C-alpha atoms as a PDB file:
ATOM      1  CA  MET A   1      17.848  -7.549  -9.326  1.00  0.00           C
ATOM      2  CA  GLY A   2      17.442 -10.980  -8.213  1.00  0.00           C
ATOM      3  CA  ASN A   3      14.611 -13.089  -6.473  1.00  0.00           C
ATOM      4  CA  ALA A   4      14.136 -11.028  -3.730  1.00  0.00           C
ATOM      5  CA  PHE A   5      12.746  -8.230  -5.839  1.00  0.00           C
ATOM      6  CA  ASN A   6      10.478 -10.136  -7.871  1.00  0.00           C
ATOM      7  CA  PRO A   7       6.504  -8.228  -8.126  1.00  0.00           C
ATOM      8  CA  VAL A   8       3.533 -10.181  -7.131  1.00  0.00           C
ATOM      9  CA  SER A   9       0.402  -9.537  -8.611  1.00  0.00           C
ATOM     10  CA  GLY A  10      -2.860  -9.013  -5.977  1.00  0.00           C
ATOM     11  CA  LYS A  11      -5.181 -10.676  -8.292  1.00  0.00           C
ATOM     12  CA  ASP A  12      -2.942 -13.930  -7.736  1.00  0.00           C
ATOM     13  CA  LEU A  13      -3.420 -13.586  -4.004  1.00  0.00           C
ATOM     14  CA  SER A  14      -6.725 -14.568  -3.866  1.00  0.00           C
ATOM     15  CA  GLY A  15      -7.830 -17.554  -1.532  1.00  0.00           C
ATOM     16  CA  ARG A  16      -3.774 -18.546  -1.308  1.00  0.00           C
ATOM     17  CA  LEU A  17      -3.439 -16.244   2.602  1.00  0.00           C
ATOM     18  CA  LYS A  18      -4.983 -19.061   4.864  1.00  0.00           C
ATOM     19  CA  LEU A  19      -4.818 -22.100   5.759  1.00  0.00           C
ATOM     20  CA  VAL A  20      -6.199 -25.099   3.410  1.00  0.00           C
ATOM     21  CA  GLU A  21      -8.979 -26.714   4.853  1.00  0.00           C
ATOM     22  CA  GLY A  22      -8.547 -29.535   7.132  1.00  0.00           C
ATOM     23  CA  LEU A  23      -4.690 -27.859   8.200  1.00  0.00           C
ATOM     24  CA  SER A  24      -4.155 -26.259  11.704  1.00  0.00           C
ATOM     25  CA  ILE A  25      -2.054 -24.573  13.057  1.00  0.00           C
ATOM     26  CA  GLU A  26      -0.372 -27.364  14.823  1.00  0.00           C
ATOM     27  CA  ARG A  27      -0.111 -29.654  12.066  1.00  0.00           C
ATOM     28  CA  LEU A  28       1.663 -26.970  10.109  1.00  0.00           C
ATOM     29  CA  GLY A  29       3.909 -26.700  12.839  1.00  0.00           C
ATOM     30  CA  SER A  30       4.503 -30.107  12.363  1.00  0.00           C
ATOM     31  CA  ARG A  31       5.407 -29.915   8.666  1.00  0.00           C
ATOM     32  CA  ARG A  32       7.860 -27.135   9.572  1.00  0.00           C
ATOM     33  CA  ASP A  33       9.563 -29.203  12.053  1.00  0.00           C
ATOM     34  CA  LEU A  34       9.715 -31.837   9.098  1.00  0.00           C
ATOM     35  CA  ALA A  35      10.925 -28.929   6.609  1.00  0.00           C
ATOM     36  CA  GLU A  36      13.926 -28.341   9.463  1.00  0.00           C
ATOM     37  CA  GLN A  37      15.014 -32.245   9.459  1.00  0.00           C
ATOM     38  CA  MET A  38      15.076 -32.339   5.600  1.00  0.00           C
ATOM     39  CA  ASP A  39      17.354 -28.845   5.740  1.00  0.00           C
ATOM     40  CA  GLN A  40      20.236 -30.760   6.947  1.00  0.00           C
ATOM     41  CA  TRP A  41      20.314 -32.805   3.640  1.00  0.00           C
ATOM     42  CA  LYS A  42      19.952 -30.107   1.433  1.00  0.00           C
ATOM     43  CA  ARG A  43      22.923 -28.367   3.142  1.00  0.00           C
ATOM     44  CA  GLY A  44      24.777 -31.333   2.075  1.00  0.00           C
ATOM     45  CA  VAL A  45      23.829 -30.742  -1.539  1.00  0.00           C
ATOM     46  CA  GLY A  46      25.727 -27.453  -1.016  1.00  0.00           C
ATOM     47  CA  ALA A  47      25.368 -23.631  -0.895  1.00  0.00           C
ATOM     48  CA  ASN A  48      24.266 -22.390  -4.046  1.00  0.00           C
ATOM     49  CA  GLU A  49      21.804 -19.655  -4.437  1.00  0.00           C
ATOM     50  CA  SER A  50      18.780 -21.390  -5.256  1.00  0.00           C
ATOM     51  CA  ILE A  51      18.703 -23.167  -2.529  1.00  0.00           C
ATOM     52  CA  ALA A  52      19.456 -20.024  -0.339  1.00  0.00           C
ATOM     53  CA  SER A  53      16.479 -18.420  -1.685  1.00  0.00           C
ATOM     54  CA  ALA A  54      14.156 -21.161  -1.363  1.00  0.00           C
ATOM     55  CA  ASP A  55      14.615 -21.523   2.184  1.00  0.00           C
ATOM     56  CA  HIS A  56      14.411 -17.975   2.550  1.00  0.00           C
ATOM     57  CA  PHE A  57      10.900 -17.831   0.692  1.00  0.00           C
ATOM     58  CA  THR A  58      10.034 -21.042   2.579  1.00  0.00           C
ATOM     59  CA  GLN A  59      10.423 -19.021   6.017  1.00  0.00           C
ATOM     60  CA  GLN A  60       8.597 -16.179   4.634  1.00  0.00           C
ATOM     61  CA  ALA A  61       5.366 -18.141   3.231  1.00  0.00           C
ATOM     62  CA  TYR A  62       5.216 -19.660   7.032  1.00  0.00           C
ATOM     63  CA  GLU A  63       5.184 -16.099   8.596  1.00  0.00           C
ATOM     64  CA  VAL A  64       2.100 -15.096   6.227  1.00  0.00           C
ATOM     65  CA  LEU A  65       0.316 -17.790   7.141  1.00  0.00           C
ATOM     66  CA  MET A  66       1.096 -18.436  10.808  1.00  0.00           C
ATOM     67  CA  THR A  67       0.837 -14.718  11.587  1.00  0.00           C
ATOM     68  CA  GLY A  68      -2.108 -13.480   9.322  1.00  0.00           C
ATOM     69  CA  SER A  69      -0.136 -10.502   8.660  1.00  0.00           C
ATOM     70  CA  ALA A  70      -1.004 -10.636   4.561  1.00  0.00           C
ATOM     71  CA  GLN A  71      -4.505 -11.421   5.302  1.00  0.00           C
ATOM     72  CA  HIS A  72      -4.685  -8.378   7.619  1.00  0.00           C
ATOM     73  CA  ALA A  73      -3.383  -6.023   5.214  1.00  0.00           C
ATOM     74  CA  LEU A  74      -5.552  -7.318   1.955  1.00  0.00           C
ATOM     75  CA  ASN A  75      -8.830  -7.138   4.223  1.00  0.00           C
ATOM     76  CA  LEU A  76     -10.290  -3.946   3.405  1.00  0.00           C
ATOM     77  CA  ASP A  77     -13.685  -4.836   5.526  1.00  0.00           C
ATOM     78  CA  GLU A  78     -11.323  -3.421   7.756  1.00  0.00           C
ATOM     79  CA  GLU A  79     -11.531  -0.056   6.869  1.00  0.00           C
ATOM     80  CA  SER A  80     -14.628   2.515   7.836  1.00  0.00           C
ATOM     81  CA  SER A  81     -17.147   3.246   5.623  1.00  0.00           C
ATOM     82  CA  ALA A  82     -15.984   6.902   5.794  1.00  0.00           C
ATOM     83  CA  MET A  83     -12.420   6.102   4.256  1.00  0.00           C
ATOM     84  CA  ARG A  84     -13.839   3.513   1.399  1.00  0.00           C
ATOM     85  CA  ASP A  85     -15.631   6.611   0.397  1.00  0.00           C
ATOM     86  CA  LYS A  86     -12.499   8.901   0.664  1.00  0.00           C
ATOM     87  CA  TYR A  87     -10.530   6.570  -1.917  1.00  0.00           C
ATOM     88  CA  GLY A  88     -13.726   5.744  -3.737  1.00  0.00           C
ATOM     89  CA  ARG A  89     -15.617   2.755  -4.097  1.00  0.00           C
ATOM     90  CA  ASP A  90     -14.360   1.496  -7.753  1.00  0.00           C
ATOM     91  CA  SER A  91     -11.288  -0.585  -9.260  1.00  0.00           C
ATOM     92  CA  LEU A  92      -8.787   2.399  -8.553  1.00  0.00           C
ATOM     93  CA  GLY A  93     -10.197   3.226  -5.628  1.00  0.00           C
ATOM     94  CA  GLU A  94     -10.009   0.396  -4.033  1.00  0.00           C
ATOM     95  CA  LYS A  95      -6.241  -0.893  -5.465  1.00  0.00           C
ATOM     96  CA  ALA A  96      -4.966   2.613  -3.931  1.00  0.00           C
ATOM     97  CA  LEU A  97      -6.824   1.692  -0.579  1.00  0.00           C
ATOM     98  CA  LEU A  98      -4.898  -1.716  -0.606  1.00  0.00           C
ATOM     99  CA  ALA A  99      -1.688  -0.084  -1.433  1.00  0.00           C
ATOM    100  CA  ARG A 100      -2.206   2.049   1.987  1.00  0.00           C
ATOM    101  CA  ARG A 101      -2.736  -0.866   4.033  1.00  0.00           C
ATOM    102  CA  LEU A 102       0.370  -2.864   1.842  1.00  0.00           C
ATOM    103  CA  ILE A 103       2.721  -0.060   2.910  1.00  0.00           C
ATOM    104  CA  GLU A 104       1.630  -0.022   6.174  1.00  0.00           C
ATOM    105  CA  ALA A 105       2.302  -3.697   6.796  1.00  0.00           C
ATOM    106  CA  GLY A 106       5.861  -3.172   5.304  1.00  0.00           C
ATOM    107  CA  SER A 107       5.806  -3.419   1.506  1.00  0.00           C
ATOM    108  CA  THR A 108       8.631  -1.700  -0.137  1.00  0.00           C
ATOM    109  CA  PHE A 109       6.783  -1.208  -3.756  1.00  0.00           C
ATOM    110  CA  VAL A 110       3.305  -1.407  -4.674  1.00  0.00           C
ATOM    111  CA  THR A 111       2.228  -0.454  -8.256  1.00  0.00           C
ATOM    112  CA  VAL A 112      -1.337   0.706  -8.702  1.00  0.00           C
ATOM    113  CA  SER A 113      -3.078   0.388 -11.925  1.00  0.00           C
ATOM    114  CA  GLY A 114      -6.303   0.155 -13.354  1.00  0.00           C
ATOM    115  CA  ALA A 115      -5.912  -2.233 -16.046  1.00  0.00           C
ATOM    116  CA  TRP A 116      -3.333  -3.057 -19.023  1.00  0.00           C
ATOM    117  CA  GLY A 117      -4.339   0.275 -21.538  1.00  0.00           C
ATOM    118  CA  TYR A 118      -6.066   2.210 -18.772  1.00  0.00           C
ATOM    119  CA  PHE A 119      -5.158   5.669 -20.052  1.00  0.00           C
ATOM    120  CA  ASP A 120      -4.845   4.197 -23.721  1.00  0.00           C
ATOM    121  CA  HIS A 121      -7.384   6.728 -25.302  1.00  0.00           C
ATOM    122  CA  HIS A 122      -6.904   6.640 -28.846  1.00  0.00           C
ATOM    123  CA  GLY A 123     -10.276   7.620 -29.675  1.00  0.00           C
ATOM    124  CA  ASP A 124     -14.026   6.601 -29.097  1.00  0.00           C
ATOM    125  CA  GLU A 125     -13.986   3.525 -31.590  1.00  0.00           C
ATOM    126  CA  VAL A 126     -11.376   1.574 -29.037  1.00  0.00           C
ATOM    127  CA  LYS A 127     -12.186   0.152 -26.020  1.00  0.00           C
ATOM    128  CA  TRP A 128     -10.849   2.595 -23.273  1.00  0.00           C
ATOM    129  CA  GLY A 129     -12.465   5.374 -25.651  1.00  0.00           C
ATOM    130  CA  GLY A 130     -11.570   8.688 -26.591  1.00  0.00           C
ATOM    131  CA  ILE A 131     -11.325  12.435 -24.410  1.00  0.00           C
ATOM    132  CA  LYS A 132     -14.933  12.051 -24.033  1.00  0.00           C
ATOM    133  CA  LYS A 133     -16.301   8.543 -23.601  1.00  0.00           C
ATOM    134  CA  GLY A 134     -13.344   7.782 -21.797  1.00  0.00           C
ATOM    135  CA  LEU A 135     -11.313  10.420 -20.096  1.00  0.00           C
ATOM    136  CA  THR A 136     -14.370  12.387 -19.008  1.00  0.00           C
ATOM    137  CA  PRO A 137     -15.856  10.006 -16.738  1.00  0.00           C
ATOM    138  CA  LEU A 138     -12.309   8.554 -15.683  1.00  0.00           C
ATOM    139  CA  LEU A 139     -10.468  11.749 -14.206  1.00  0.00           C
ATOM    140  CA  PRO A 140     -12.474  12.498 -11.804  1.00  0.00           C
ATOM    141  CA  SER A 141     -11.842   9.083 -10.216  1.00  0.00           C
ATOM    142  CA  VAL A 142      -8.119   9.510 -10.567  1.00  0.00           C
ATOM    143  CA  ASP A 143      -8.092  12.813  -9.136  1.00  0.00           C
ATOM    144  CA  ARG A 144     -10.264  11.672  -6.014  1.00  0.00           C
ATOM    145  CA  THR A 145      -7.731   8.824  -5.588  1.00  0.00           C
ATOM    146  CA  LEU A 146      -4.510  10.295  -6.137  1.00  0.00           C
ATOM    147  CA  HIS A 147      -5.451  12.937  -3.269  1.00  0.00           C
ATOM    148  CA  ALA A 148      -7.156  10.372  -1.091  1.00  0.00           C
ATOM    149  CA  ILE A 149      -3.919   8.346  -0.787  1.00  0.00           C
ATOM    150  CA  VAL A 150      -1.473  11.578  -0.329  1.00  0.00           C
ATOM    151  CA  THR A 151      -3.420  13.088   2.303  1.00  0.00           C
ATOM    152  CA  ASP A 152      -3.581   9.530   3.749  1.00  0.00           C
ATOM    153  CA  LEU A 153      -0.460   8.576   3.824  1.00  0.00           C
ATOM    154  CA  GLU A 154       0.232  12.171   5.592  1.00  0.00           C
ATOM    155  CA  ASP A 155      -2.294  11.993   8.421  1.00  0.00           C
ATOM    156  CA  ARG A 156      -0.486   8.498   9.407  1.00  0.00           C
ATOM    157  CA  GLY A 157       2.872   9.789   9.131  1.00  0.00           C
ATOM    158  CA  LEU A 158       3.801   7.842   6.256  1.00  0.00           C
ATOM    159  CA  LEU A 159       4.285  10.314   3.565  1.00  0.00           C
ATOM    160  CA  ASP A 160       7.610  11.203   4.290  1.00  0.00           C
ATOM    161  CA  SER A 161       8.875   7.948   3.733  1.00  0.00           C
ATOM    162  CA  THR A 162       6.746   6.701   0.927  1.00  0.00           C
ATOM    163  CA  LEU A 163       7.413   8.549  -2.732  1.00  0.00           C
ATOM    164  CA  ILE A 164       4.400   8.240  -4.707  1.00  0.00           C
ATOM    165  CA  LEU A 165       4.855   8.169  -9.136  1.00  0.00           C
ATOM    166  CA  MET A 166       1.610   8.892 -10.712  1.00  0.00           C
ATOM    167  CA  MET A 167       2.605   8.515 -14.347  1.00  0.00           C
ATOM    168  CA  GLY A 168       2.696   6.300 -17.464  1.00  0.00           C
ATOM    169  CA  GLU A 169       5.076   5.104 -19.825  1.00  0.00           C
ATOM    170  CA  PHE A 170       4.918   8.027 -22.586  1.00  0.00           C
ATOM    171  CA  GLY A 171       2.789  11.078 -23.400  1.00  0.00           C
ATOM    172  CA  ARG A 172      -0.137  11.583 -25.782  1.00  0.00           C
ATOM    173  CA  SER A 173      -0.465  13.720 -29.138  1.00  0.00           C
ATOM    174  CA  PRO A 174      -0.766  17.597 -28.817  1.00  0.00           C
ATOM    175  CA  VAL A 175      -3.288  17.246 -31.571  1.00  0.00           C
ATOM    176  CA  ILE A 176      -6.883  15.652 -31.303  1.00  0.00           C
ATOM    177  CA  ASN A 177      -6.974  12.893 -33.761  1.00  0.00           C
ATOM    178  CA  LYS A 178     -10.596  12.269 -35.854  1.00  0.00           C
ATOM    179  CA  ASN A 179     -11.625   9.879 -33.588  1.00  0.00           C
ATOM    180  CA  ALA A 180     -11.788  12.225 -30.376  1.00  0.00           C
ATOM    181  CA  GLY A 181      -8.899  10.816 -28.682  1.00  0.00           C
ATOM    182  CA  ARG A 182      -4.982  11.112 -28.463  1.00  0.00           C
ATOM    183  CA  ASP A 183      -2.036   8.738 -29.966  1.00  0.00           C
ATOM    184  CA  HIS A 184       1.239   7.920 -28.840  1.00  0.00           C
ATOM    185  CA  TRP A 185       3.540  10.541 -28.478  1.00  0.00           C
ATOM    186  CA  PRO A 186       6.899   9.706 -27.019  1.00  0.00           C
ATOM    187  CA  ARG A 187       8.545  13.501 -27.212  1.00  0.00           C
ATOM    188  CA  VAL A 188       7.166  14.733 -23.973  1.00  0.00           C
ATOM    189  CA  MET A 189       4.925  13.724 -20.961  1.00  0.00           C
ATOM    190  CA  SER A 190       3.940  14.692 -17.598  1.00  0.00           C
ATOM    191  CA  MET A 191       3.768  12.934 -14.269  1.00  0.00           C
ATOM    192  CA  VAL A 192       3.061  13.885 -10.424  1.00  0.00           C
ATOM    193  CA  MET A 193       5.261  12.999  -7.636  1.00  0.00           C
ATOM    194  CA  ALA A 194       4.337  13.536  -3.996  1.00  0.00           C
ATOM    195  CA  GLY A 195       5.790  12.388  -0.769  1.00  0.00           C
ATOM    196  CA  GLY A 196       9.332  10.953  -0.334  1.00  0.00           C
ATOM    197  CA  GLY A 197      10.775  13.649   1.605  1.00  0.00           C
ATOM    198  CA  LEU A 198      11.429  15.666  -1.351  1.00  0.00           C
ATOM    199  CA  ARG A 199      10.679  19.538  -2.018  1.00  0.00           C
ATOM    200  CA  HIS A 200       7.282  19.886  -3.679  1.00  0.00           C
ATOM    201  CA  GLY A 201       4.811  21.978  -4.815  1.00  0.00           C
ATOM    202  CA  GLN A 202       6.884  22.984  -8.194  1.00  0.00           C
ATOM    203  CA  VAL A 203       6.544  22.394 -11.788  1.00  0.00           C
ATOM    204  CA  ILE A 204       9.883  21.066 -13.114  1.00  0.00           C
ATOM    205  CA  GLY A 205      10.385  21.745 -17.298  1.00  0.00           C
ATOM    206  CA  SER A 206       7.929  23.234 -19.637  1.00  0.00           C
ATOM    207  CA  THR A 207       6.599  22.309 -23.103  1.00  0.00           C
ATOM    208  CA  ASP A 208       5.840  24.864 -26.072  1.00  0.00           C
ATOM    209  CA  LYS A 209       2.780  26.403 -26.343  1.00  0.00           C
ATOM    210  CA  HIS A 210       1.096  23.290 -28.310  1.00  0.00           C
ATOM    211  CA  GLY A 211       2.280  20.924 -25.933  1.00  0.00           C
ATOM    212  CA  GLY A 212       4.138  18.832 -28.270  1.00  0.00           C
ATOM    213  CA  GLU A 213       8.084  19.572 -27.684  1.00  0.00           C
ATOM    214  CA  ILE A 214       9.825  20.204 -24.231  1.00  0.00           C
ATOM    215  CA  GLU A 215      11.073  23.986 -23.911  1.00  0.00           C
ATOM    216  CA  THR A 216      12.731  24.408 -20.929  1.00  0.00           C
ATOM    217  CA  ARG A 217      14.581  21.891 -18.452  1.00  0.00           C
ATOM    218  CA  ARG A 218      14.653  18.337 -20.155  1.00  0.00           C
ATOM    219  CA  VAL A 219      13.937  15.858 -17.507  1.00  0.00           C
ATOM    220  CA  ALA A 220      14.990  12.051 -19.018  1.00  0.00           C
ATOM    221  CA  PRO A 221      14.227   8.799 -18.002  1.00  0.00           C
ATOM    222  CA  GLY A 222      17.625   8.150 -16.258  1.00  0.00           C
ATOM    223  CA  ASP A 223      16.758  11.248 -14.266  1.00  0.00           C
ATOM    224  CA  LEU A 224      13.598   9.692 -12.806  1.00  0.00           C
ATOM    225  CA  ALA A 225      15.454   6.523 -11.795  1.00  0.00           C
ATOM    226  CA  ALA A 226      18.207   8.193 -10.291  1.00  0.00           C
ATOM    227  CA  THR A 227      15.881  10.684  -8.165  1.00  0.00           C
ATOM    228  CA  VAL A 228      14.230   7.365  -7.254  1.00  0.00           C
ATOM    229  CA  PHE A 229      17.273   5.057  -6.400  1.00  0.00           C
ATOM    230  CA  HIS A 230      18.355   8.046  -4.166  1.00  0.00           C
ATOM    231  CA  HIS A 231      14.761   8.182  -2.288  1.00  0.00           C
ATOM    232  CA  LEU A 232      15.556   4.262  -1.985  1.00  0.00           C
ATOM    233  CA  GLY A 233      19.055   4.915  -0.608  1.00  0.00           C
ATOM    234  CA  ILE A 234      20.428   2.845  -3.704  1.00  0.00           C
ATOM    235  CA  GLU A 235      23.902   3.940  -5.091  1.00  0.00           C
ATOM    236  CA  GLN A 236      23.462   5.140  -8.544  1.00  0.00           C
ATOM    237  CA  ASN A 237      26.410   3.650  -9.880  1.00  0.00           C
ATOM    238  CA  THR A 238      25.177  -0.144  -9.219  1.00  0.00           C
ATOM    239  CA  ASN A 239      24.835  -2.648 -11.790  1.00  0.00           C
ATOM    240  CA  TRP A 240      21.971  -5.314 -12.212  1.00  0.00           C
ATOM    241  CA  ILE A 241      22.799  -8.493 -14.056  1.00  0.00           C
ATOM    242  CA  ASP A 242      20.806  -9.293 -17.009  1.00  0.00           C
ATOM    243  CA  PRO A 243      19.982 -13.024 -18.052  1.00  0.00           C
ATOM    244  CA  GLN A 244      23.090 -13.191 -20.253  1.00  0.00           C
ATOM    245  CA  GLY A 245      24.816 -12.563 -16.993  1.00  0.00           C
ATOM    246  CA  ARG A 246      26.306  -8.769 -18.379  1.00  0.00           C
ATOM    247  CA  PRO A 247      26.482  -6.132 -15.730  1.00  0.00           C
ATOM    248  CA  ARG A 248      24.070  -3.211 -17.001  1.00  0.00           C
ATOM    249  CA  PRO A 249      23.817  -0.105 -14.982  1.00  0.00           C
ATOM    250  CA  ILE A 250      20.359   0.752 -12.952  1.00  0.00           C
ATOM    251  CA  VAL A 251      21.070   4.301 -14.067  1.00  0.00           C
ATOM    252  CA  ALA A 252      20.451   5.033 -17.801  1.00  0.00           C
ATOM    253  CA  GLU A 253      21.988   7.513 -20.322  1.00  0.00           C
ATOM    254  CA  GLY A 254      24.003   9.324 -17.655  1.00  0.00           C
ATOM    255  CA  GLY A 255      20.842   9.842 -15.350  1.00  0.00           C
ATOM    256  CA  LYS A 256      21.069  12.801 -12.387  1.00  0.00           C
ATOM    257  CA  VAL A 257      18.905  12.975  -9.660  1.00  0.00           C
ATOM    258  CA  MET A 258      16.600  15.928  -9.815  1.00  0.00           C
ATOM    259  CA  ALA A 259      18.340  18.869  -7.874  1.00  0.00           C
ATOM    260  CA  GLU A 260      15.305  20.625  -7.480  1.00  0.00           C
ATOM    261  CA  LEU A 261      13.511  18.179  -5.473  1.00  0.00           C
ATOM    262  CA  VAL A 262      16.353  17.093  -2.710  1.00  0.00           C
END
């Protein structure tokens, strides 16, 4: 989707959103004046996309440093003790609280994840543990954090404009394995959606009694993508360009907006 939509990792921002020691706002302004003079030379090179992107991102970098908005958004110390407790003072809770602050500051897409493999609970012999050692202590934190961000955004009047997706990339096997865990299961999974001005308070689709196969109302990944793009105001028939320069549809396999939600 182009450079304008590339993500940034929160852990990579530590210490980078403030002026370096010895550099004042006045000196930064002087450097900006010099950069603007250099722009005249750059324009002579030709109006290509790479230079245009560099100019835009340089402008954004100046705004981040000179306004302090990013430092403000990433400063949890500005939150009350009660709000910190509401989200939870663990990794997941603090990241979700940061997500809410980024949304308030104007970020349009935020991903919150405890860690890679966070829900990879194959059994008690692996790092993340199985159902008892892994999920039992984890799920109360997940429940608390999801409730906190939904109700907090609602209280601030931001829930209808913010679509929340709580999901993984596929399901887990309906049968507990010999290591007290569940393995990969791509046939069926479940997820939670909140906000976005959609019609909630309903369950869409069902599985068989074993939770292993879809029984009613199959929802495909393309349907989820179409629903998200609908919320973002992006046309369903839009293409993205792959690294080989070929157009690819942003909604795969004929995905449709979930009519139950809109």
